[in-house]
Amino acid sequence: MLKFGHTFDETYQPFNDEKYNVLVNIYNDPELTKVKEENGNSTYMGTTMCMLINECRYLVATVQNDINIVGTNKKLSEIQWTNFQTRTLKGKFDCNVCGGAINRDAKTIRLVLLKRTNNYTQYESVDKMFKVSLLHTRKDNLYEYPNEGDLISALEMYQTIVSI
């Protein structure tokens, strides 16, 4: 490839576009806010509507450190995340309200069990596109989650980490 020139963005991997688009379609391309830079990563978050007193539900996308300043808003389709999370977290973060409504017409992706630990249950999509971890909400509850499911159901748990 060198005889044709140099790449400008070596982190861009076009084969991940389909993976990014799955979540963009599920959440109707929400706008997230950059909330922090830490340990070589930038974190973008958006809060979903929630009625909890001291907890809220968030969409979280982590990327390698980028040039944007904290407070920048970006659409999910503009973020090349390394992991995407739906989480229920204590406290409030200063970020965009993004609704979080799931597009019921989005592609269904089946998940099968990879492994169980005391802290999380990990799945892989049948097409090997994603690895999905569901964090356990109770101590030492090895069988908190089923052996198989689908991506949308996992995301709605709000204890979910998706990696590509």
N, C-alpha and C. Protein backbone atom coordinates (compact mmCIF):
# COMPACT_ATOMS: atom_id res chain seq x y z
N MET A 1 0.82 -1.20 0.00
CA MET A 1 0.00 0.00 0.00
C MET A 1 0.86 1.25 0.00
N LEU A 2 2.10 1.12 0.43
CA LEU A 2 2.96 2.29 0.51
C LEU A 2 3.23 2.94 -0.84
N LYS A 3 3.21 2.18 -1.90
CA LYS A 3 3.50 2.80 -3.19
C LYS A 3 2.38 3.76 -3.62
N PHE A 4 1.22 3.70 -2.96
CA PHE A 4 0.11 4.61 -3.29
C PHE A 4 0.00 5.78 -2.32
N GLY A 5 0.87 5.84 -1.32
CA GLY A 5 0.83 6.94 -0.37
C GLY A 5 0.66 6.44 1.04
N HIS A 6 0.37 7.35 1.96
CA HIS A 6 0.24 7.04 3.37
C HIS A 6 -1.19 7.28 3.83
N THR A 7 -1.61 6.51 4.81
CA THR A 7 -2.94 6.73 5.38
C THR A 7 -2.86 7.87 6.37
N PHE A 8 -3.91 8.66 6.43
CA PHE A 8 -3.97 9.78 7.37
C PHE A 8 -4.44 9.32 8.74
N ASP A 9 -5.40 8.42 8.76
CA ASP A 9 -5.96 7.94 10.02
C ASP A 9 -5.73 6.44 10.12
N GLU A 10 -4.69 6.05 10.82
CA GLU A 10 -4.35 4.63 10.91
C GLU A 10 -5.29 3.85 11.80
N THR A 11 -6.12 4.54 12.60
CA THR A 11 -7.06 3.85 13.48
C THR A 11 -8.33 3.45 12.74
N TYR A 12 -8.60 4.06 11.59
CA TYR A 12 -9.82 3.76 10.84
C TYR A 12 -9.75 2.37 10.24
N GLN A 13 -10.78 1.57 10.52
CA GLN A 13 -10.87 0.22 9.98
C GLN A 13 -12.24 0.09 9.32
N PRO A 14 -12.29 0.18 8.00
CA PRO A 14 -13.58 0.21 7.30
C PRO A 14 -14.46 -1.01 7.55
N PHE A 15 -13.87 -2.17 7.86
CA PHE A 15 -14.67 -3.36 8.11
C PHE A 15 -15.49 -3.23 9.40
N ASN A 16 -15.18 -2.24 10.25
CA ASN A 16 -15.97 -2.02 11.46
C ASN A 16 -17.21 -1.16 11.21
N ASP A 17 -17.31 -0.53 10.04
CA ASP A 17 -18.45 0.35 9.75
C ASP A 17 -19.79 -0.36 9.94
N GLU A 18 -19.89 -1.60 9.49
CA GLU A 18 -21.14 -2.35 9.64
C GLU A 18 -21.47 -2.54 11.13
N LYS A 19 -20.45 -2.79 11.93
CA LYS A 19 -20.66 -2.97 13.36
C LYS A 19 -21.15 -1.68 14.01
N TYR A 20 -20.52 -0.56 13.65
CA TYR A 20 -20.95 0.73 14.19
C TYR A 20 -22.39 1.02 13.78
N ASN A 21 -22.72 0.73 12.53
CA ASN A 21 -24.06 1.04 12.02
C ASN A 21 -25.16 0.25 12.71
N VAL A 22 -24.85 -0.94 13.21
CA VAL A 22 -25.86 -1.72 13.93
C VAL A 22 -26.37 -0.92 15.13
N LEU A 23 -25.45 -0.37 15.93
CA LEU A 23 -25.86 0.40 17.11
C LEU A 23 -26.43 1.75 16.74
N VAL A 24 -25.93 2.36 15.68
CA VAL A 24 -26.51 3.62 15.21
C VAL A 24 -27.97 3.41 14.86
N ASN A 25 -28.29 2.31 14.20
CA ASN A 25 -29.68 2.02 13.82
C ASN A 25 -30.53 1.65 15.03
N ILE A 26 -29.97 0.92 15.98
CA ILE A 26 -30.74 0.54 17.16
C ILE A 26 -31.17 1.77 17.95
N TYR A 27 -30.26 2.75 18.09
CA TYR A 27 -30.55 3.94 18.90
C TYR A 27 -30.90 5.18 18.08
N ASN A 28 -31.12 5.04 16.79
CA ASN A 28 -31.50 6.18 15.93
C ASN A 28 -30.47 7.31 15.98
N ASP A 29 -29.19 6.94 15.97
CA ASP A 29 -28.07 7.87 15.90
C ASP A 29 -28.14 9.01 16.93
N PRO A 30 -28.04 8.67 18.23
CA PRO A 30 -28.13 9.70 19.26
C PRO A 30 -26.89 10.60 19.28
N GLU A 31 -27.06 11.78 19.86
CA GLU A 31 -25.94 12.70 20.04
C GLU A 31 -25.39 12.54 21.45
N LEU A 32 -24.09 12.27 21.54
CA LEU A 32 -23.42 12.05 22.82
C LEU A 32 -22.46 13.21 23.10
N THR A 33 -22.15 13.43 24.37
CA THR A 33 -21.28 14.51 24.80
C THR A 33 -19.97 13.94 25.33
N LYS A 34 -18.85 14.54 24.91
CA LYS A 34 -17.56 14.13 25.46
C LYS A 34 -17.49 14.61 26.90
N VAL A 35 -17.34 13.67 27.84
CA VAL A 35 -17.36 14.03 29.26
C VAL A 35 -15.99 13.95 29.92
N LYS A 36 -15.06 13.18 29.32
CA LYS A 36 -13.72 13.12 29.93
C LYS A 36 -12.70 12.50 28.99
N GLU A 37 -11.43 12.81 29.33
CA GLU A 37 -10.25 12.19 28.71
C GLU A 37 -9.45 11.59 29.84
N GLU A 38 -9.11 10.31 29.70
CA GLU A 38 -8.40 9.65 30.79
C GLU A 38 -7.69 8.41 30.26
N ASN A 39 -6.45 8.20 30.65
CA ASN A 39 -5.68 7.01 30.29
C ASN A 39 -5.68 6.72 28.79
N GLY A 40 -5.53 7.76 27.97
CA GLY A 40 -5.47 7.57 26.53
C GLY A 40 -6.82 7.33 25.87
N ASN A 41 -7.91 7.51 26.60
CA ASN A 41 -9.25 7.31 26.05
C ASN A 41 -10.11 8.55 26.25
N SER A 42 -11.03 8.75 25.34
CA SER A 42 -12.05 9.78 25.48
C SER A 42 -13.39 9.08 25.67
N THR A 43 -14.22 9.64 26.54
CA THR A 43 -15.51 9.03 26.83
C THR A 43 -16.62 9.98 26.43
N TYR A 44 -17.55 9.46 25.62
CA TYR A 44 -18.74 10.19 25.21
C TYR A 44 -19.94 9.55 25.89
N MET A 45 -20.85 10.39 26.40
CA MET A 45 -22.02 9.86 27.10
C MET A 45 -23.28 10.61 26.70
N GLY A 46 -24.37 9.92 26.82
CA GLY A 46 -25.69 10.52 26.67
C GLY A 46 -26.61 9.87 27.67
N THR A 47 -27.44 10.67 28.31
CA THR A 47 -28.35 10.11 29.30
C THR A 47 -29.69 9.80 28.63
N THR A 48 -30.30 8.74 29.07
CA THR A 48 -31.63 8.41 28.58
C THR A 48 -32.63 8.88 29.63
N MET A 49 -33.86 9.03 29.24
CA MET A 49 -34.88 9.44 30.20
C MET A 49 -35.00 8.36 31.27
N CYS A 50 -34.92 8.78 32.53
CA CYS A 50 -35.06 7.81 33.60
C CYS A 50 -35.81 8.43 34.77
N MET A 51 -36.47 7.60 35.52
CA MET A 51 -37.26 8.06 36.65
C MET A 51 -36.64 7.61 37.97
N LEU A 52 -35.37 7.25 37.95
CA LEU A 52 -34.72 6.79 39.15
C LEU A 52 -34.23 7.98 39.96
N ILE A 53 -34.26 7.88 41.29
CA ILE A 53 -33.92 9.00 42.15
C ILE A 53 -32.43 9.32 42.13
N ASN A 54 -31.58 8.34 42.39
CA ASN A 54 -30.15 8.62 42.49
C ASN A 54 -29.33 7.88 41.43
N GLU A 55 -29.97 7.32 40.43
CA GLU A 55 -29.28 6.64 39.35
C GLU A 55 -29.89 7.07 38.03
N CYS A 56 -29.08 7.04 36.99
CA CYS A 56 -29.59 7.31 35.65
C CYS A 56 -29.03 6.28 34.69
N ARG A 57 -29.67 6.17 33.57
CA ARG A 57 -29.23 5.26 32.53
C ARG A 57 -28.48 6.05 31.46
N TYR A 58 -27.35 5.49 31.03
CA TYR A 58 -26.48 6.20 30.10
C TYR A 58 -26.08 5.31 28.92
N LEU A 59 -25.88 5.96 27.79
CA LEU A 59 -25.20 5.36 26.65
C LEU A 59 -23.78 5.89 26.72
N VAL A 60 -22.79 5.00 26.64
CA VAL A 60 -21.39 5.40 26.80
C VAL A 60 -20.58 4.82 25.65
N ALA A 61 -19.82 5.68 24.97
CA ALA A 61 -18.93 5.23 23.90
C ALA A 61 -17.52 5.66 24.24
N THR A 62 -16.60 4.71 24.23
CA THR A 62 -15.20 5.00 24.53
C THR A 62 -14.39 4.91 23.24
N VAL A 63 -13.54 5.92 23.03
CA VAL A 63 -12.68 5.97 21.84
C VAL A 63 -11.25 6.24 22.29
N GLN A 64 -10.29 5.98 21.39
CA GLN A 64 -8.93 6.41 21.68
C GLN A 64 -8.95 7.93 21.74
N ASN A 65 -8.08 8.52 22.58
CA ASN A 65 -8.08 9.97 22.75
C ASN A 65 -8.24 10.68 21.41
N ASP A 66 -9.16 11.62 21.37
CA ASP A 66 -9.37 12.39 20.15
C ASP A 66 -9.06 13.86 20.43
N ILE A 67 -9.20 14.69 19.41
CA ILE A 67 -8.83 16.10 19.53
C ILE A 67 -9.95 16.99 20.06
N ASN A 68 -11.15 16.45 20.21
CA ASN A 68 -12.28 17.26 20.65
C ASN A 68 -12.15 17.62 22.13
N ILE A 69 -12.65 18.81 22.48
CA ILE A 69 -12.61 19.24 23.87
C ILE A 69 -13.79 18.64 24.63
N VAL A 70 -13.62 18.52 25.95
CA VAL A 70 -14.71 18.03 26.80
C VAL A 70 -15.89 18.99 26.62
N GLY A 71 -17.07 18.43 26.43
CA GLY A 71 -18.28 19.22 26.17
C GLY A 71 -18.73 19.17 24.72
N THR A 72 -17.88 18.63 23.84
CA THR A 72 -18.23 18.50 22.43
C THR A 72 -19.33 17.46 22.24
N ASN A 73 -20.33 17.77 21.43
CA ASN A 73 -21.39 16.82 21.09
C ASN A 73 -21.10 16.20 19.73
N LYS A 74 -21.27 14.89 19.64
CA LYS A 74 -21.10 14.18 18.38
C LYS A 74 -22.17 13.10 18.26
N LYS A 75 -22.62 12.90 17.03
CA LYS A 75 -23.54 11.80 16.75
C LYS A 75 -22.80 10.48 16.90
N LEU A 76 -23.51 9.44 17.32
CA LEU A 76 -22.89 8.12 17.46
C LEU A 76 -22.27 7.66 16.14
N SER A 77 -22.87 8.03 15.02
CA SER A 77 -22.34 7.64 13.72
C SER A 77 -20.99 8.28 13.41
N GLU A 78 -20.62 9.31 14.16
CA GLU A 78 -19.34 9.99 13.96
C GLU A 78 -18.25 9.50 14.91
N ILE A 79 -18.60 8.54 15.76
CA ILE A 79 -17.68 8.06 16.78
C ILE A 79 -17.25 6.63 16.44
N GLN A 80 -15.94 6.43 16.30
CA GLN A 80 -15.41 5.08 16.07
C GLN A 80 -15.01 4.49 17.42
N TRP A 81 -16.01 3.99 18.13
CA TRP A 81 -15.82 3.51 19.50
C TRP A 81 -15.06 2.20 19.54
N THR A 82 -14.36 2.00 20.66
CA THR A 82 -13.70 0.72 20.91
C THR A 82 -14.58 -0.15 21.79
N ASN A 83 -15.37 0.49 22.65
CA ASN A 83 -16.44 -0.24 23.34
C ASN A 83 -17.62 0.69 23.56
N PHE A 84 -18.78 0.11 23.57
CA PHE A 84 -20.04 0.84 23.74
C PHE A 84 -20.75 0.21 24.92
N GLN A 85 -21.28 1.05 25.80
CA GLN A 85 -21.93 0.54 27.00
C GLN A 85 -23.30 1.15 27.18
N THR A 86 -24.19 0.38 27.75
CA THR A 86 -25.43 0.91 28.30
C THR A 86 -25.34 0.61 29.78
N ARG A 87 -25.38 1.65 30.62
CA ARG A 87 -25.11 1.46 32.04
C ARG A 87 -26.09 2.25 32.89
N THR A 88 -26.39 1.70 34.05
CA THR A 88 -27.11 2.41 35.09
C THR A 88 -26.05 2.84 36.09
N LEU A 89 -25.88 4.15 36.26
CA LEU A 89 -24.81 4.68 37.11
C LEU A 89 -25.36 5.63 38.15
N LYS A 90 -24.72 5.64 39.30
CA LYS A 90 -25.09 6.59 40.36
C LYS A 90 -24.54 7.96 39.99
N GLY A 91 -25.24 9.00 40.41
CA GLY A 91 -24.79 10.36 40.14
C GLY A 91 -25.25 10.84 38.79
N LYS A 92 -24.97 12.10 38.54
CA LYS A 92 -25.38 12.73 37.29
C LYS A 92 -24.14 13.19 36.53
N PHE A 93 -24.13 12.98 35.22
CA PHE A 93 -23.06 13.44 34.37
C PHE A 93 -23.60 14.56 33.49
N ASP A 94 -22.76 15.54 33.22
CA ASP A 94 -23.16 16.67 32.39
C ASP A 94 -23.05 16.26 30.92
N CYS A 95 -24.15 15.71 30.40
CA CYS A 95 -24.13 15.23 29.03
C CYS A 95 -25.51 15.41 28.39
N ASN A 96 -25.52 15.20 27.10
CA ASN A 96 -26.73 15.37 26.30
C ASN A 96 -27.80 14.35 26.68
N VAL A 97 -29.06 14.78 26.68
CA VAL A 97 -30.18 13.86 26.85
C VAL A 97 -30.48 13.31 25.46
N CYS A 98 -30.41 11.98 25.33
CA CYS A 98 -30.53 11.41 23.99
C CYS A 98 -31.70 10.45 23.83
N GLY A 99 -32.59 10.43 24.76
CA GLY A 99 -33.78 9.60 24.61
C GLY A 99 -33.54 8.13 24.88
N GLY A 100 -32.67 7.50 24.10
CA GLY A 100 -32.36 6.09 24.31
C GLY A 100 -33.43 5.13 23.83
N ALA A 101 -34.42 5.65 23.10
CA ALA A 101 -35.48 4.76 22.59
C ALA A 101 -34.88 3.81 21.57
N ILE A 102 -35.27 2.57 21.68
CA ILE A 102 -34.75 1.54 20.78
C ILE A 102 -35.65 1.43 19.55
N ASN A 103 -35.01 1.37 18.40
CA ASN A 103 -35.70 1.19 17.14
C ASN A 103 -36.08 -0.29 17.02
N ARG A 104 -37.34 -0.58 17.17
CA ARG A 104 -37.80 -1.98 17.15
C ARG A 104 -37.66 -2.64 15.78
N ASP A 105 -37.41 -1.84 14.73
CA ASP A 105 -37.21 -2.41 13.40
C ASP A 105 -35.74 -2.73 13.13
N ALA A 106 -34.88 -2.48 14.12
CA ALA A 106 -33.44 -2.73 13.94
C ALA A 106 -33.18 -4.22 13.81
N LYS A 107 -32.08 -4.52 13.16
CA LYS A 107 -31.67 -5.91 12.94
C LYS A 107 -31.49 -6.63 14.27
N THR A 108 -32.04 -7.83 14.39
CA THR A 108 -31.88 -8.64 15.59
C THR A 108 -30.61 -9.48 15.45
N ILE A 109 -29.78 -9.41 16.46
CA ILE A 109 -28.53 -10.16 16.44
C ILE A 109 -28.54 -11.12 17.62
N ARG A 110 -28.46 -12.40 17.32
CA ARG A 110 -28.51 -13.43 18.34
C ARG A 110 -27.17 -13.56 19.06
N LEU A 111 -27.23 -13.76 20.37
CA LEU A 111 -26.04 -13.92 21.20
C LEU A 111 -26.03 -15.30 21.84
N VAL A 112 -24.83 -15.90 21.90
CA VAL A 112 -24.68 -17.20 22.56
C VAL A 112 -23.61 -17.08 23.65
N LEU A 113 -23.76 -17.86 24.68
CA LEU A 113 -22.88 -17.82 25.84
C LEU A 113 -21.44 -18.18 25.47
N LEU A 114 -20.50 -17.35 25.94
CA LEU A 114 -19.07 -17.65 25.81
C LEU A 114 -18.51 -18.12 27.13
N LYS A 115 -18.77 -17.33 28.21
CA LYS A 115 -18.28 -17.74 29.53
C LYS A 115 -19.03 -17.00 30.63
N ARG A 116 -18.97 -17.59 31.80
CA ARG A 116 -19.57 -17.00 33.00
C ARG A 116 -18.49 -16.81 34.06
N THR A 117 -18.55 -15.68 34.75
CA THR A 117 -17.70 -15.47 35.92
C THR A 117 -18.62 -14.98 37.03
N ASN A 118 -18.08 -14.77 38.21
CA ASN A 118 -18.89 -14.24 39.31
C ASN A 118 -19.31 -12.80 39.06
N ASN A 119 -18.58 -12.09 38.18
CA ASN A 119 -18.86 -10.66 37.96
C ASN A 119 -19.59 -10.34 36.67
N TYR A 120 -19.48 -11.21 35.68
CA TYR A 120 -20.14 -10.93 34.39
C TYR A 120 -20.40 -12.22 33.63
N THR A 121 -21.32 -12.12 32.67
CA THR A 121 -21.58 -13.20 31.73
C THR A 121 -21.24 -12.65 30.35
N GLN A 122 -20.43 -13.38 29.59
CA GLN A 122 -20.00 -12.90 28.28
C GLN A 122 -20.61 -13.74 27.16
N TYR A 123 -21.04 -13.02 26.12
CA TYR A 123 -21.65 -13.64 24.95
C TYR A 123 -20.89 -13.22 23.70
N GLU A 124 -21.12 -13.98 22.64
CA GLU A 124 -20.62 -13.60 21.33
C GLU A 124 -21.78 -13.69 20.36
N SER A 125 -21.83 -12.74 19.42
CA SER A 125 -22.90 -12.82 18.43
C SER A 125 -22.62 -14.00 17.50
N VAL A 126 -23.68 -14.59 16.99
CA VAL A 126 -23.54 -15.79 16.16
C VAL A 126 -22.67 -15.49 14.94
N ASP A 127 -22.75 -14.27 14.42
CA ASP A 127 -21.95 -13.89 13.25
C ASP A 127 -20.54 -13.42 13.63
N LYS A 128 -20.19 -13.54 14.92
CA LYS A 128 -18.86 -13.17 15.44
C LYS A 128 -18.58 -11.66 15.32
N MET A 129 -19.63 -10.86 15.17
CA MET A 129 -19.47 -9.43 15.00
C MET A 129 -19.16 -8.72 16.32
N PHE A 130 -19.80 -9.16 17.41
CA PHE A 130 -19.68 -8.49 18.70
C PHE A 130 -19.38 -9.49 19.82
N LYS A 131 -18.72 -8.97 20.86
CA LYS A 131 -18.67 -9.64 22.16
C LYS A 131 -19.45 -8.74 23.09
N VAL A 132 -20.32 -9.35 23.89
CA VAL A 132 -21.19 -8.60 24.78
C VAL A 132 -21.04 -9.16 26.19
N SER A 133 -20.77 -8.27 27.14
CA SER A 133 -20.67 -8.69 28.54
C SER A 133 -21.80 -8.04 29.32
N LEU A 134 -22.50 -8.84 30.10
CA LEU A 134 -23.53 -8.33 31.01
C LEU A 134 -22.96 -8.40 32.42
N LEU A 135 -22.87 -7.24 33.07
CA LEU A 135 -22.34 -7.18 34.43
C LEU A 135 -23.38 -7.67 35.40
N HIS A 136 -22.96 -8.48 36.35
CA HIS A 136 -23.89 -9.00 37.35
C HIS A 136 -24.26 -7.90 38.34
N THR A 137 -25.51 -7.87 38.72
CA THR A 137 -25.99 -6.85 39.66
C THR A 137 -26.01 -7.36 41.09
N ARG A 138 -25.89 -8.65 41.25
CA ARG A 138 -25.86 -9.25 42.59
C ARG A 138 -24.56 -10.02 42.76
N LYS A 139 -24.06 -10.07 43.96
CA LYS A 139 -22.80 -10.77 44.25
C LYS A 139 -22.96 -12.28 44.06
N ASP A 140 -21.95 -12.88 43.48
CA ASP A 140 -21.86 -14.34 43.33
C ASP A 140 -23.13 -14.98 42.77
N ASN A 141 -23.68 -14.37 41.72
CA ASN A 141 -24.87 -14.92 41.08
C ASN A 141 -24.47 -15.35 39.67
N LEU A 142 -23.83 -16.50 39.60
CA LEU A 142 -23.26 -17.00 38.36
C LEU A 142 -24.30 -17.13 37.24
N TYR A 143 -25.54 -17.43 37.58
CA TYR A 143 -26.56 -17.68 36.56
C TYR A 143 -27.61 -16.57 36.50
N GLU A 144 -27.18 -15.33 36.67
CA GLU A 144 -28.10 -14.20 36.62
C GLU A 144 -28.70 -14.02 35.22
N TYR A 145 -27.95 -14.38 34.19
CA TYR A 145 -28.41 -14.19 32.81
C TYR A 145 -28.50 -15.53 32.09
N PRO A 146 -29.36 -15.62 31.06
CA PRO A 146 -29.56 -16.90 30.35
C PRO A 146 -28.38 -17.27 29.45
N ASN A 147 -28.45 -18.46 28.87
CA ASN A 147 -27.38 -18.96 27.99
C ASN A 147 -27.37 -18.29 26.63
N GLU A 148 -28.48 -17.77 26.19
CA GLU A 148 -28.53 -17.06 24.91
C GLU A 148 -29.58 -15.98 24.95
N GLY A 149 -29.49 -15.09 23.99
CA GLY A 149 -30.43 -13.97 23.91
C GLY A 149 -30.18 -13.20 22.64
N ASP A 150 -30.51 -11.90 22.67
CA ASP A 150 -30.24 -11.05 21.50
C ASP A 150 -29.67 -9.72 21.96
N LEU A 151 -29.06 -9.01 21.03
CA LEU A 151 -28.35 -7.78 21.34
C LEU A 151 -29.27 -6.72 21.94
N ILE A 152 -30.44 -6.53 21.39
CA ILE A 152 -31.35 -5.50 21.90
C ILE A 152 -31.75 -5.79 23.34
N SER A 153 -32.07 -7.03 23.66
CA SER A 153 -32.42 -7.38 25.04
C SER A 153 -31.24 -7.13 25.98
N ALA A 154 -30.04 -7.45 25.53
CA ALA A 154 -28.85 -7.22 26.35
C ALA A 154 -28.65 -5.72 26.59
N LEU A 155 -28.81 -4.91 25.56
CA LEU A 155 -28.64 -3.46 25.71
C LEU A 155 -29.66 -2.88 26.69
N GLU A 156 -30.86 -3.43 26.71
CA GLU A 156 -31.90 -2.91 27.59
C GLU A 156 -31.67 -3.26 29.06
N MET A 157 -30.68 -4.09 29.36
CA MET A 157 -30.36 -4.40 30.75
C MET A 157 -29.64 -3.22 31.42
N TYR A 158 -29.00 -2.38 30.66
CA TYR A 158 -28.24 -1.22 31.15
C TYR A 158 -27.16 -1.64 32.15
N GLN A 159 -26.59 -2.82 31.90
CA GLN A 159 -25.40 -3.32 32.60
C GLN A 159 -24.51 -3.97 31.54
N THR A 160 -24.44 -3.35 30.36
CA THR A 160 -23.95 -4.01 29.16
C THR A 160 -22.70 -3.33 28.60
N ILE A 161 -21.73 -4.14 28.21
CA ILE A 161 -20.53 -3.65 27.52
C ILE A 161 -20.41 -4.42 26.21
N VAL A 162 -20.36 -3.66 25.10
CA VAL A 162 -20.24 -4.25 23.76
C VAL A 162 -18.85 -3.90 23.22
N SER A 163 -18.15 -4.90 22.74
CA SER A 163 -16.86 -4.65 22.10
C SER A 163 -16.81 -5.34 20.75
N ILE A 164 -15.95 -4.78 19.89
CA ILE A 164 -15.84 -5.34 18.52
C ILE A 164 -14.52 -6.03 18.34
